[in-house]
Amino acid sequence: MFGLGTGEIVVILLIVLLLFGGRKIPEVMRGLGSGLREFKKASSEATGEIKRAIDETPAEPPKAEEPPGDEKA
């Protein structure tokens, strides 16, 4: 439905080349790659923390305590 064909990709690449020029494109790609790498690192760290938190939770829920003052004699 929203897929890009070969023609659309070529047009987008030509527009990018015109906007940034041939010398600027490698710098932009390096920045994009380092940003993507940082995102993956943060994502995996967050996933690890969530898994550790799940593993540390007790297996059974804590027992409810009776409210004070409701003791039966």
C-alpha atoms as a PDB file:
ATOM      1  CA  MET A   1       0.000   0.000   0.000  1.00  0.00           C
ATOM      2  CA  PHE A   2       2.736   2.476   1.003  1.00  0.00           C
ATOM      3  CA  GLY A   3       5.704   0.702  -0.573  1.00  0.00           C
ATOM      4  CA  LEU A   4       8.257   2.683  -2.505  1.00  0.00           C
ATOM      5  CA  GLY A   5       9.064   1.644  -6.021  1.00  0.00           C
ATOM      6  CA  THR A   6      12.377   1.991  -7.810  1.00  0.00           C
ATOM      7  CA  GLY A   7      11.366   5.262  -9.443  1.00  0.00           C
ATOM      8  CA  GLU A   8      10.417   6.887  -6.148  1.00  0.00           C
ATOM      9  CA  ILE A   9      13.676   5.807  -4.514  1.00  0.00           C
ATOM     10  CA  VAL A  10      15.715   7.243  -7.410  1.00  0.00           C
ATOM     11  CA  VAL A  11      13.860  10.564  -7.177  1.00  0.00           C
ATOM     12  CA  ILE A  12      14.414  10.731  -3.403  1.00  0.00           C
ATOM     13  CA  LEU A  13      18.134   9.977  -3.820  1.00  0.00           C
ATOM     14  CA  LEU A  14      18.485  12.685  -6.472  1.00  0.00           C
ATOM     15  CA  ILE A  15      16.763  15.230  -4.223  1.00  0.00           C
ATOM     16  CA  VAL A  16      19.059  14.286  -1.324  1.00  0.00           C
ATOM     17  CA  LEU A  17      22.094  14.609  -3.601  1.00  0.00           C
ATOM     18  CA  LEU A  18      20.957  18.057  -4.746  1.00  0.00           C
ATOM     19  CA  LEU A  19      20.242  19.256  -1.199  1.00  0.00           C
ATOM     20  CA  PHE A  20      23.389  18.024   0.526  1.00  0.00           C
ATOM     21  CA  GLY A  21      25.917  17.642  -2.261  1.00  0.00           C
ATOM     22  CA  GLY A  22      28.314  14.762  -2.798  1.00  0.00           C
ATOM     23  CA  ARG A  23      30.734  15.722  -0.027  1.00  0.00           C
ATOM     24  CA  LYS A  24      28.146  16.117   2.721  1.00  0.00           C
ATOM     25  CA  ILE A  25      26.314  12.801   2.206  1.00  0.00           C
ATOM     26  CA  PRO A  26      28.974  10.575   3.889  1.00  0.00           C
ATOM     27  CA  GLU A  27      28.897  12.822   6.974  1.00  0.00           C
ATOM     28  CA  VAL A  28      25.112  12.618   7.103  1.00  0.00           C
ATOM     29  CA  MET A  29      25.204   8.824   6.767  1.00  0.00           C
ATOM     30  CA  ARG A  30      27.833   8.537   9.531  1.00  0.00           C
ATOM     31  CA  GLY A  31      25.647  10.611  11.832  1.00  0.00           C
ATOM     32  CA  LEU A  32      22.613   8.533  10.943  1.00  0.00           C
ATOM     33  CA  GLY A  33      24.524   5.312  11.602  1.00  0.00           C
ATOM     34  CA  SER A  34      25.828   6.449  14.985  1.00  0.00           C
ATOM     35  CA  GLY A  35      22.348   7.605  15.986  1.00  0.00           C
ATOM     36  CA  LEU A  36      20.871   4.257  15.005  1.00  0.00           C
ATOM     37  CA  ARG A  37      23.619   2.419  16.899  1.00  0.00           C
ATOM     38  CA  GLU A  38      22.948   4.507  20.024  1.00  0.00           C
ATOM     39  CA  PHE A  39      19.202   3.825  19.746  1.00  0.00           C
ATOM     40  CA  LYS A  40      19.767   0.059  19.519  1.00  0.00           C
ATOM     41  CA  LYS A  41      22.120   0.176  22.518  1.00  0.00           C
ATOM     42  CA  ALA A  42      19.602   2.089  24.641  1.00  0.00           C
ATOM     43  CA  SER A  43      16.811  -0.234  23.530  1.00  0.00           C
ATOM     44  CA  SER A  44      18.734  -3.362  24.499  1.00  0.00           C
ATOM     45  CA  GLU A  45      19.697  -1.840  27.868  1.00  0.00           C
ATOM     46  CA  ALA A  46      16.067  -0.995  28.602  1.00  0.00           C
ATOM     47  CA  THR A  47      14.969  -4.506  27.614  1.00  0.00           C
ATOM     48  CA  GLY A  48      17.613  -5.985  29.917  1.00  0.00           C
ATOM     49  CA  GLU A  49      16.486  -3.835  32.833  1.00  0.00           C
ATOM     50  CA  ILE A  50      12.863  -4.858  32.301  1.00  0.00           C
ATOM     51  CA  LYS A  51      13.803  -8.545  32.194  1.00  0.00           C
ATOM     52  CA  ARG A  52      15.886  -8.173  35.381  1.00  0.00           C
ATOM     53  CA  ALA A  53      12.989  -6.430  37.129  1.00  0.00           C
ATOM     54  CA  ILE A  54      10.616  -9.207  36.107  1.00  0.00           C
ATOM     55  CA  ASP A  55      13.026 -11.879  37.359  1.00  0.00           C
ATOM     56  CA  GLU A  56      13.415 -10.130  40.726  1.00  0.00           C
ATOM     57  CA  THR A  57       9.690  -9.908  41.495  1.00  0.00           C
ATOM     58  CA  PRO A  58       8.361 -12.478  43.996  1.00  0.00           C
ATOM     59  CA  ALA A  59       6.519 -15.479  42.598  1.00  0.00           C
ATOM     60  CA  GLU A  60       3.462 -15.098  44.851  1.00  0.00           C
ATOM     61  CA  PRO A  61       1.760 -11.827  45.806  1.00  0.00           C
ATOM     62  CA  PRO A  62       2.270 -10.572  49.362  1.00  0.00           C
ATOM     63  CA  LYS A  63      -0.375 -11.527  51.888  1.00  0.00           C
ATOM     64  CA  ALA A  64      -2.816  -8.805  52.861  1.00  0.00           C
ATOM     65  CA  GLU A  65      -2.463  -7.727  56.453  1.00  0.00           C
ATOM     66  CA  GLU A  66      -5.498  -7.202  58.629  1.00  0.00           C
ATOM     67  CA  PRO A  67      -6.102  -3.561  59.528  1.00  0.00           C
ATOM     68  CA  PRO A  68      -5.230  -2.710  63.137  1.00  0.00           C
ATOM     69  CA  GLY A  69      -8.097  -2.553  65.615  1.00  0.00           C
ATOM     70  CA  ASP A  70     -10.125  -5.344  64.014  1.00  0.00           C
ATOM     71  CA  GLU A  71      -8.739  -8.032  66.320  1.00  0.00           C
ATOM     72  CA  LYS A  72     -11.228 -10.635  67.490  1.00  0.00           C
ATOM     73  CA  ALA A  73     -11.099 -11.696  71.130  1.00  0.00           C
END
